[in-house]
Amino acid sequence: METAEAATSFWPIVITGIAILVLLCLSAVFSGSETALTTAKRGKLHSMDGKGDRGAGVALKLIEDKERLIGAILLGNNLVNILATSLATMFFTVLLGEGAVAIATLVMTGLVLVFSEVLPKTYAITNAETMAARVSPLIRGVVVVLSPVVNAVRALVRTILGVFGVSTDPEAHFLAAQEEIAGAIALHHSEGAVEKDDRDRLLGALDLGQRRVEEVMLHRREIEMIDADLPPAEILAKALESQHTRIPLYREDPENIIGVLHAKDLSRAVHQLGLDSRESPADFSELNIEEVAMEPYFVPETTPLDEQMRAFLLRRSHFALVVDEYGALHGLITLEDIIEEIVGDITDEHDTQKSSGIEPNDDGSVEVDGGVTIRDLNRDCDWSLPDEEANTIAGLVIHEAQAIPNAGQVFSFHGFRFEVLERENNRLTRIRVRKLL
């Protein structure tokens, strides 16, 4: 009789013990899955998916809605942890009596901490993408099953947060893709894995969509032009003297651009003129410059650089004139100008050697031409001056001073000291900049 009673009480204890172990294993899966799916790099998952790993594809879809994913995992993890703790309390109470609650608490805390939290999360951190791909089919099922409860919890949480004036955007992502990539590049640079030049090129390519044509164009006062009404021989001489391949042609007013003269087209026309007049000296007065010139291509100053680069490639053109909102000539931009924003200055054998406009001093300060862009100064000196309100150093000083300073005036803002060295009319031509400690 006693043997039968002992057997009857033995199996429930064994089954309870097995259930506790199974629940601890499920808790470990939930904890590891949460870490793996939230730390896995989408780029690696996408690459794995492209190689035929279906689990990676499922993981990518789960990550698209992280709020629902984390809600389902946390709900499942809490359910199995609470159930395991309750069963453990019953298990130790049967074995040790009423005073076993404290023992059950200590034992379950140790087991959950080591085997259901630290161990699986440590593994997930070191093998995030692999584990994410393996557990994603299981977690997808959990998300589907628990979605009604998770959606109710999400609605309740948003309601409570709304009472305290905190608004939530259900469609918001934790980080935009561009910010995520830029942050990764900056992190690897700070750790020494990415060189400064490589970092600048990568960030320059990422920033093209955030920057506009007016930020990199050549200002109209610096544009080299030729008067179309000059004698053809003189136009030819000016074109040969120029270091530029493409030169705008104007008539009467520099604002009235009638065409763009390409050196190669001009050479062909001159060569043909020589062939047509072999028996007598070539008469350059017969050269029709307007027929040789290309039709000018105008673009708005607000065009993003990435769009303008695509437009250049589509048109098979490298040169555009920039106009403001009133249609007035503002400057010019070339494909080379855009590429230089990625790789830095490009020079060839016909370019004259010119200063960058940035001259470092022994005391740590830098003397800068007023027309130097804030981006170029930041890039050269590894600084972080803001360029939201102004494009050039002179523009930044004028914006912060709310006036056009005179030579000798000194200002401090954004953690830097600015001293105006030279001013010509209404332009600041030379500024000394020093970072404050």
Protein backbone atom coordinates (compact mmCIF):
# COMPACT_ATOMS: atom_id res chain seq x y z
CA MET A 1 0.00 0.00 0.00
CA GLU A 2 2.78 2.43 0.95
CA THR A 3 4.68 1.43 -2.17
CA ALA A 4 1.70 2.31 -4.38
CA GLU A 5 1.31 5.70 -2.65
CA ALA A 6 5.03 6.43 -3.07
CA ALA A 7 4.88 5.57 -6.77
CA THR A 8 1.79 7.74 -7.15
CA SER A 9 3.59 10.76 -5.60
CA PHE A 10 6.90 10.07 -7.40
CA TRP A 11 5.78 10.63 -10.98
CA PRO A 12 4.13 14.04 -10.44
CA ILE A 13 7.39 15.25 -8.88
CA VAL A 14 9.42 13.95 -11.83
CA ILE A 15 7.02 15.47 -14.35
CA THR A 16 7.14 18.79 -12.51
CA GLY A 17 10.94 18.75 -12.52
CA ILE A 18 11.03 18.01 -16.26
CA ALA A 19 8.50 20.80 -16.90
CA ILE A 20 10.70 23.25 -14.98
CA LEU A 21 13.73 22.30 -17.12
CA VAL A 22 11.70 22.64 -20.34
CA LEU A 23 10.46 26.07 -19.25
CA LEU A 24 14.02 27.17 -18.40
CA CYS A 25 15.09 26.07 -21.89
CA LEU A 26 12.24 28.07 -23.45
CA SER A 27 13.24 31.07 -21.35
CA ALA A 28 16.79 30.73 -22.66
CA VAL A 29 15.48 30.60 -26.25
CA PHE A 30 13.39 33.75 -25.71
CA SER A 31 16.26 35.66 -24.06
CA GLY A 32 18.80 34.66 -26.69
CA SER A 33 16.35 35.38 -29.52
CA GLU A 34 15.67 38.87 -28.21
CA THR A 35 19.37 39.70 -28.11
CA ALA A 36 20.13 38.05 -31.47
CA LEU A 37 17.28 39.69 -33.37
CA THR A 38 17.91 43.16 -31.93
CA THR A 39 21.69 43.13 -32.41
CA ALA A 40 21.92 41.30 -35.73
CA LYS A 41 23.16 43.48 -38.59
CA ARG A 42 20.62 43.81 -41.34
CA GLY A 43 23.36 43.94 -43.96
CA LYS A 44 24.67 40.50 -42.97
CA LEU A 45 21.16 39.07 -42.76
CA HIS A 46 20.41 40.42 -46.23
CA SER A 47 23.60 38.81 -47.56
CA MET A 48 22.66 35.47 -45.93
CA ASP A 49 19.16 35.74 -47.39
CA GLY A 50 20.67 36.30 -50.84
CA LYS A 51 22.66 33.10 -50.44
CA GLY A 52 19.49 31.09 -49.80
CA ASP A 53 19.20 31.17 -46.00
CA ARG A 54 15.42 31.32 -45.49
CA GLY A 55 15.79 31.92 -41.77
CA ALA A 56 17.68 35.15 -42.46
CA GLY A 57 14.82 36.32 -44.67
CA VAL A 58 12.31 35.59 -41.90
CA ALA A 59 14.53 37.45 -39.41
CA LEU A 60 14.60 40.52 -41.69
CA LYS A 61 10.78 40.58 -41.82
CA LEU A 62 10.55 40.24 -38.02
CA ILE A 63 12.98 43.12 -37.48
CA GLU A 64 10.81 45.43 -39.60
CA ASP A 65 8.38 45.73 -36.66
CA LYS A 66 10.65 45.63 -33.63
CA GLU A 67 7.97 46.84 -31.24
CA ARG A 68 5.72 43.87 -31.98
CA LEU A 69 8.70 41.50 -32.03
CA ILE A 70 10.04 42.58 -28.64
CA GLY A 71 6.54 42.66 -27.16
CA ALA A 72 5.88 39.05 -28.19
CA ILE A 73 9.27 37.83 -26.93
CA LEU A 74 8.93 39.61 -23.59
CA LEU A 75 5.40 38.29 -23.14
CA GLY A 76 6.48 34.72 -23.90
CA ASN A 77 9.59 35.03 -21.71
CA ASN A 78 7.62 36.35 -18.74
CA LEU A 79 5.00 33.64 -19.10
CA VAL A 80 7.54 30.79 -19.01
CA ASN A 81 9.60 32.39 -16.21
CA ILE A 82 6.58 32.94 -13.97
CA LEU A 83 5.24 29.46 -14.67
CA ALA A 84 8.68 27.89 -14.00
CA THR A 85 8.97 29.77 -10.71
CA SER A 86 5.48 28.70 -9.63
CA LEU A 87 6.20 25.06 -10.45
CA ALA A 88 9.55 25.24 -8.66
CA THR A 89 7.84 26.52 -5.53
CA MET A 90 5.43 23.57 -5.64
CA PHE A 91 8.31 21.18 -6.39
CA PHE A 92 10.44 22.23 -3.40
CA THR A 93 7.40 22.50 -1.12
CA VAL A 94 6.52 18.86 -1.81
CA LEU A 95 10.11 17.79 -1.22
CA LEU A 96 11.07 20.00 1.74
CA GLY A 97 7.84 21.21 3.24
CA GLU A 98 6.29 24.65 3.78
CA GLY A 99 9.59 26.39 4.50
CA ALA A 100 10.99 25.73 1.02
CA VAL A 101 9.72 28.97 -0.61
CA ALA A 102 12.98 30.82 0.10
CA ILE A 103 15.02 27.91 -1.21
CA ALA A 104 12.90 27.76 -4.39
CA THR A 105 13.40 31.51 -4.91
CA LEU A 106 17.20 31.28 -4.55
CA VAL A 107 17.53 28.20 -6.75
CA MET A 108 15.30 29.58 -9.52
CA THR A 109 17.05 32.98 -9.43
CA GLY A 110 20.40 31.27 -9.98
CA LEU A 111 19.12 28.98 -12.72
CA VAL A 112 17.27 31.74 -14.58
CA LEU A 113 20.19 34.18 -14.26
CA VAL A 114 22.87 31.78 -15.51
CA PHE A 115 21.12 29.44 -17.92
CA SER A 116 18.18 31.54 -19.14
CA GLU A 117 19.72 35.02 -19.29
CA VAL A 118 23.50 35.40 -19.22
CA LEU A 119 24.47 32.24 -21.11
CA PRO A 120 22.04 32.55 -24.08
CA LYS A 121 22.53 36.31 -24.39
CA THR A 122 26.32 35.96 -24.37
CA TYR A 123 26.08 33.39 -27.14
CA ALA A 124 23.62 35.58 -29.06
CA ILE A 125 25.95 38.58 -28.91
CA THR A 126 28.85 36.61 -30.39
CA ASN A 127 26.72 34.83 -33.03
CA ALA A 128 23.91 37.30 -33.59
CA GLU A 129 23.16 36.73 -37.28
CA THR A 130 23.51 32.92 -37.13
CA MET A 131 21.25 32.60 -34.10
CA ALA A 132 18.73 35.10 -35.49
CA ALA A 133 18.41 33.02 -38.66
CA ARG A 134 17.96 29.80 -36.67
CA VAL A 135 15.35 31.00 -34.18
CA SER A 136 13.36 33.27 -36.50
CA PRO A 137 10.89 30.57 -37.71
CA LEU A 138 10.02 29.70 -34.07
CA ILE A 139 9.77 33.34 -33.04
CA ARG A 140 7.59 34.12 -36.04
CA GLY A 141 5.09 31.54 -34.76
CA VAL A 142 5.20 33.07 -31.28
CA VAL A 143 4.62 36.54 -32.73
CA VAL A 144 1.61 35.34 -34.74
CA VAL A 145 0.06 33.52 -31.76
CA LEU A 146 0.62 36.33 -29.27
CA SER A 147 -0.20 39.21 -31.65
CA PRO A 148 -3.69 39.91 -30.22
CA VAL A 149 -2.33 40.20 -26.68
CA VAL A 150 0.70 42.21 -27.83
CA ASN A 151 -1.48 44.65 -29.80
CA ALA A 152 -3.69 45.16 -26.75
CA VAL A 153 -0.63 45.81 -24.59
CA ARG A 154 0.75 48.27 -27.16
CA ALA A 155 -2.53 50.19 -27.21
CA LEU A 156 -2.61 50.27 -23.40
CA VAL A 157 0.99 51.49 -23.21
CA ARG A 158 0.38 54.26 -25.76
CA THR A 159 -2.72 55.34 -23.87
CA ILE A 160 -0.81 55.54 -20.58
CA LEU A 161 2.06 57.44 -22.22
CA GLY A 162 -0.46 59.77 -23.86
CA VAL A 163 -1.87 60.67 -20.43
CA PHE A 164 1.61 61.93 -19.50
CA GLY A 165 2.01 63.83 -22.79
CA VAL A 166 4.41 61.37 -24.43
CA SER A 167 3.56 60.66 -28.07
CA THR A 168 4.74 57.54 -29.88
CA ASP A 169 5.04 56.91 -33.61
CA PRO A 170 4.14 53.32 -34.48
CA GLU A 171 5.94 53.63 -37.84
CA ALA A 172 9.14 55.11 -36.44
CA HIS A 173 12.36 53.18 -36.80
CA PHE A 174 15.03 53.17 -34.14
CA LEU A 175 17.59 54.58 -36.57
CA ALA A 176 17.38 55.64 -40.20
CA ALA A 177 19.56 53.52 -42.44
CA GLN A 178 21.84 56.43 -43.31
CA GLU A 179 22.33 57.40 -39.67
CA GLU A 180 23.00 53.78 -38.79
CA ILE A 181 25.70 53.46 -41.45
CA ALA A 182 27.27 56.82 -40.59
CA GLY A 183 27.33 55.88 -36.92
CA ALA A 184 29.02 52.57 -37.70
CA ILE A 185 31.67 54.33 -39.82
CA ALA A 186 32.35 56.90 -37.08
CA LEU A 187 32.59 54.14 -34.47
CA HIS A 188 35.08 52.10 -36.51
CA HIS A 189 37.13 55.25 -37.15
CA SER A 190 37.28 56.02 -33.43
CA GLU A 191 38.46 52.46 -32.83
CA GLY A 192 41.18 52.81 -35.47
CA ALA A 193 39.70 50.31 -37.92
CA VAL A 194 38.87 52.95 -40.55
CA GLU A 195 41.37 55.61 -41.64
CA LYS A 196 40.33 59.27 -41.69
CA ASP A 197 40.54 59.52 -45.50
CA ASP A 198 38.38 56.40 -45.92
CA ARG A 199 35.91 57.73 -43.35
CA ASP A 200 35.67 61.07 -45.18
CA ARG A 201 35.05 59.37 -48.53
CA LEU A 202 32.36 57.07 -47.13
CA LEU A 203 30.58 59.84 -45.25
CA GLY A 204 30.88 62.12 -48.28
CA ALA A 205 29.05 59.58 -50.43
CA LEU A 206 26.34 59.20 -47.76
CA ASP A 207 25.86 62.97 -47.47
CA LEU A 208 25.17 63.63 -51.16
CA GLY A 209 21.42 63.32 -50.67
CA GLN A 210 21.49 65.81 -47.78
CA ARG A 211 23.45 68.51 -49.59
CA ARG A 212 22.35 70.90 -52.31
CA VAL A 213 23.96 72.22 -55.47
CA GLU A 214 24.42 75.72 -54.05
CA GLU A 215 26.72 74.35 -51.35
CA VAL A 216 29.41 73.17 -53.78
CA MET A 217 28.90 75.30 -56.89
CA LEU A 218 31.38 77.86 -58.18
CA HIS A 219 29.94 81.32 -57.45
CA ARG A 220 29.10 83.46 -60.47
CA ARG A 221 31.72 86.10 -59.60
CA GLU A 222 34.38 83.41 -60.10
CA ILE A 223 33.01 82.03 -63.38
CA GLU A 224 35.22 82.53 -66.43
CA MET A 225 33.07 83.66 -69.37
CA ILE A 226 33.59 84.83 -72.94
CA ASP A 227 31.63 87.54 -74.74
CA ALA A 228 30.08 85.93 -77.81
CA ASP A 229 30.27 89.26 -79.71
CA LEU A 230 34.09 89.28 -79.68
CA PRO A 231 35.84 88.45 -82.96
CA PRO A 232 36.17 84.67 -83.45
CA ALA A 233 39.96 84.87 -83.40
CA GLU A 234 39.87 86.57 -80.00
CA ILE A 235 37.38 84.02 -78.67
CA LEU A 236 39.70 81.27 -79.88
CA ALA A 237 42.65 82.89 -78.12
CA LYS A 238 40.73 83.22 -74.84
CA ALA A 239 39.60 79.60 -75.03
CA LEU A 240 43.21 78.45 -75.55
CA GLU A 241 44.43 80.54 -72.62
CA SER A 242 41.80 79.11 -70.29
CA GLN A 243 42.50 76.07 -68.14
CA HIS A 244 38.85 75.03 -68.43
CA THR A 245 37.41 72.70 -71.05
CA ARG A 246 33.93 74.25 -71.00
CA ILE A 247 33.39 78.01 -70.98
CA PRO A 248 30.02 79.83 -70.90
CA LEU A 249 29.28 82.33 -73.68
CA TYR A 250 27.24 85.45 -72.92
CA ARG A 251 25.90 88.33 -74.99
CA GLU A 252 25.69 91.91 -73.71
CA ASP A 253 25.03 90.89 -70.10
CA PRO A 254 26.90 88.11 -68.20
CA GLU A 255 23.47 87.00 -66.95
CA ASN A 256 22.46 86.29 -70.56
CA ILE A 257 24.17 82.95 -71.19
CA ILE A 258 23.58 81.84 -74.79
CA GLY A 259 25.72 78.72 -74.88
CA VAL A 260 28.66 76.74 -73.54
CA LEU A 261 31.82 76.49 -75.61
CA HIS A 262 33.56 73.09 -75.40
CA ALA A 263 37.27 73.06 -76.27
CA LYS A 264 36.95 69.84 -78.26
CA ASP A 265 34.05 71.21 -80.36
CA LEU A 266 36.02 74.39 -80.98
CA SER A 267 39.07 72.38 -82.06
CA ARG A 268 36.97 70.38 -84.52
CA ALA A 269 35.51 73.56 -85.99
CA VAL A 270 38.95 75.17 -86.37
CA HIS A 271 40.33 71.99 -87.94
CA GLN A 272 37.44 71.85 -90.41
CA LEU A 273 37.95 75.52 -91.22
CA GLY A 274 41.59 74.75 -92.01
CA LEU A 275 40.61 71.87 -94.28
CA ASP A 276 38.14 74.04 -96.16
CA SER A 277 40.75 76.71 -96.85
CA ARG A 278 43.83 74.70 -97.77
CA GLU A 279 44.69 76.95 -100.71
CA SER A 280 44.59 80.14 -98.60
CA PRO A 281 45.22 81.06 -94.95
CA ALA A 282 42.32 80.21 -92.67
CA ASP A 283 39.96 83.12 -92.09
CA PHE A 284 38.72 82.81 -88.49
CA SER A 285 36.10 85.47 -89.11
CA GLU A 286 34.10 82.78 -90.89
CA LEU A 287 33.94 80.75 -87.68
CA ASN A 288 30.39 80.79 -86.28
CA ILE A 289 30.88 80.47 -82.52
CA GLU A 290 27.17 80.12 -81.76
CA GLU A 291 26.92 77.07 -83.98
CA VAL A 292 29.89 75.50 -82.22
CA ALA A 293 28.59 76.20 -78.70
CA MET A 294 26.35 73.73 -76.87
CA GLU A 295 22.94 74.70 -75.51
CA PRO A 296 23.27 75.79 -71.86
CA TYR A 297 21.89 73.46 -69.19
CA PHE A 298 20.34 75.22 -66.18
CA VAL A 299 19.56 73.63 -62.81
CA PRO A 300 17.96 75.03 -59.62
CA GLU A 301 20.28 75.82 -56.72
CA THR A 302 18.19 73.65 -54.37
CA THR A 303 18.77 70.39 -56.30
CA PRO A 304 20.24 67.64 -54.06
CA LEU A 305 23.71 66.55 -55.13
CA ASP A 306 22.77 62.89 -55.61
CA GLU A 307 19.92 63.87 -57.95
CA GLN A 308 22.19 66.22 -59.87
CA MET A 309 24.81 63.50 -60.27
CA ARG A 310 22.18 61.13 -61.68
CA ALA A 311 21.01 63.90 -64.02
CA PHE A 312 24.56 64.43 -65.28
CA LEU A 313 24.96 60.71 -65.95
CA LEU A 314 21.59 60.48 -67.67
CA ARG A 315 22.26 63.50 -69.90
CA ARG A 316 25.86 62.41 -70.49
CA SER A 317 26.84 65.93 -69.49
CA HIS A 318 29.36 67.23 -66.95
CA PHE A 319 28.47 70.92 -66.77
CA ALA A 320 25.44 72.91 -65.58
CA LEU A 321 24.67 76.53 -64.81
CA VAL A 322 22.94 77.14 -61.47
CA VAL A 323 20.05 79.60 -61.16
CA ASP A 324 18.20 80.86 -58.10
CA GLU A 325 14.44 80.95 -57.55
CA TYR A 326 14.14 84.07 -59.73
CA GLY A 327 16.01 82.51 -62.65
CA ALA A 328 19.11 84.65 -62.12
CA LEU A 329 22.52 83.11 -62.65
CA HIS A 330 23.94 82.00 -59.33
CA GLY A 331 26.92 79.86 -60.27
CA LEU A 332 27.97 76.70 -62.07
CA ILE A 333 28.51 73.10 -61.08
CA THR A 334 30.30 70.19 -62.74
CA LEU A 335 30.28 66.46 -62.22
CA GLU A 336 33.83 66.83 -60.95
CA ASP A 337 32.61 69.18 -58.18
CA ILE A 338 30.25 66.48 -56.93
CA ILE A 339 32.85 63.72 -57.11
CA GLU A 340 35.28 65.94 -55.18
CA GLU A 341 32.80 65.96 -52.30
CA ILE A 342 33.52 62.25 -51.98
CA VAL A 343 37.20 61.82 -52.88
CA GLY A 344 38.60 65.31 -52.21
CA ASP A 345 40.23 67.73 -54.65
CA ILE A 346 40.95 66.39 -58.14
CA THR A 347 43.68 68.07 -60.20
CA ASP A 348 45.23 67.31 -63.56
CA GLU A 349 48.24 68.51 -65.51
CA HIS A 350 46.38 71.61 -66.73
CA ASP A 351 45.11 72.79 -63.33
CA THR A 352 47.03 75.59 -61.73
CA GLN A 353 48.29 74.85 -58.23
CA LYS A 354 46.02 76.62 -55.81
CA SER A 355 45.86 76.84 -52.06
CA SER A 356 43.09 75.10 -50.18
CA GLY A 357 42.54 78.35 -48.28
CA ILE A 358 43.29 76.61 -44.96
CA GLU A 359 46.63 77.38 -43.30
CA PRO A 360 47.38 75.85 -39.87
CA ASN A 361 49.47 77.82 -37.35
CA ASP A 362 51.86 76.57 -34.69
CA ASP A 363 49.53 77.67 -31.87
CA GLY A 364 46.78 75.31 -33.05
CA SER A 365 44.75 77.99 -34.80
CA VAL A 366 43.90 77.94 -38.50
CA GLU A 367 43.79 80.88 -40.92
CA VAL A 368 40.97 80.39 -43.38
CA ASP A 369 39.81 82.19 -46.50
CA GLY A 370 36.28 83.47 -45.97
CA GLY A 371 35.00 81.50 -48.95
CA VAL A 372 36.16 78.14 -47.60
CA THR A 373 33.18 75.91 -46.89
CA ILE A 374 32.48 74.75 -43.36
CA ARG A 375 32.43 71.18 -44.64
CA ASP A 376 35.96 71.49 -46.08
CA LEU A 377 37.27 73.00 -42.82
CA ASN A 378 35.62 70.24 -40.77
CA ARG A 379 37.06 67.63 -43.09
CA ASP A 380 40.56 69.08 -43.06
CA CYS A 381 40.78 69.73 -39.31
CA ASP A 382 38.47 66.94 -38.11
CA TRP A 383 36.14 69.48 -36.49
CA SER A 384 32.35 69.55 -36.23
CA LEU A 385 31.27 73.13 -36.90
CA PRO A 386 27.55 73.26 -37.82
CA ASP A 387 26.70 73.96 -41.45
CA GLU A 388 22.91 74.11 -41.25
CA GLU A 389 22.66 77.93 -41.31
CA ALA A 390 25.64 78.82 -43.49
CA ASN A 391 27.78 77.23 -46.18
CA THR A 392 31.07 79.11 -45.74
CA ILE A 393 33.13 80.18 -42.73
CA ALA A 394 32.44 83.84 -43.50
CA GLY A 395 28.73 83.07 -43.72
CA LEU A 396 28.82 81.33 -40.34
CA VAL A 397 30.52 84.31 -38.66
CA ILE A 398 28.06 86.76 -40.22
CA HIS A 399 25.10 84.57 -39.22
CA GLU A 400 26.24 84.31 -35.60
CA ALA A 401 27.28 87.97 -35.33
CA GLN A 402 24.04 89.13 -36.98
CA ALA A 403 26.15 91.76 -38.76
CA ILE A 404 29.16 92.10 -41.06
CA PRO A 405 32.10 92.37 -38.63
CA ASN A 406 35.13 94.59 -39.13
CA ALA A 407 38.71 93.39 -39.19
CA GLY A 408 39.98 92.79 -35.67
CA GLN A 409 36.65 91.75 -34.15
CA VAL A 410 36.61 88.49 -32.20
CA PHE A 411 33.72 86.11 -31.55
CA SER A 412 33.31 82.84 -29.66
CA PHE A 413 30.56 80.35 -30.46
CA HIS A 414 30.11 76.58 -30.96
CA GLY A 415 33.27 76.00 -28.90
CA PHE A 416 35.53 77.97 -31.31
CA ARG A 417 37.14 81.41 -31.37
CA PHE A 418 36.81 83.41 -34.60
CA GLU A 419 38.96 86.47 -35.33
CA VAL A 420 38.25 88.52 -38.47
CA LEU A 421 41.64 89.30 -40.07
CA GLU A 422 40.62 90.92 -43.36
CA ARG A 423 37.48 92.43 -44.84
CA GLU A 424 36.95 93.68 -48.39
CA ASN A 425 33.82 95.77 -48.85
CA ASN A 426 31.06 93.51 -47.48
CA ARG A 427 33.07 90.27 -47.67
CA LEU A 428 35.10 88.64 -44.92
CA THR A 429 38.18 87.43 -46.78
CA ARG A 430 40.40 86.11 -43.98
CA ILE A 431 39.47 84.59 -40.61
CA ARG A 432 41.51 82.93 -37.88
CA VAL A 433 39.75 80.02 -36.17
CA ARG A 434 40.87 78.26 -33.02
CA LYS A 435 39.18 75.51 -31.07
CA LEU A 436 38.57 76.41 -27.42
CA LEU A 437 39.68 73.94 -24.77
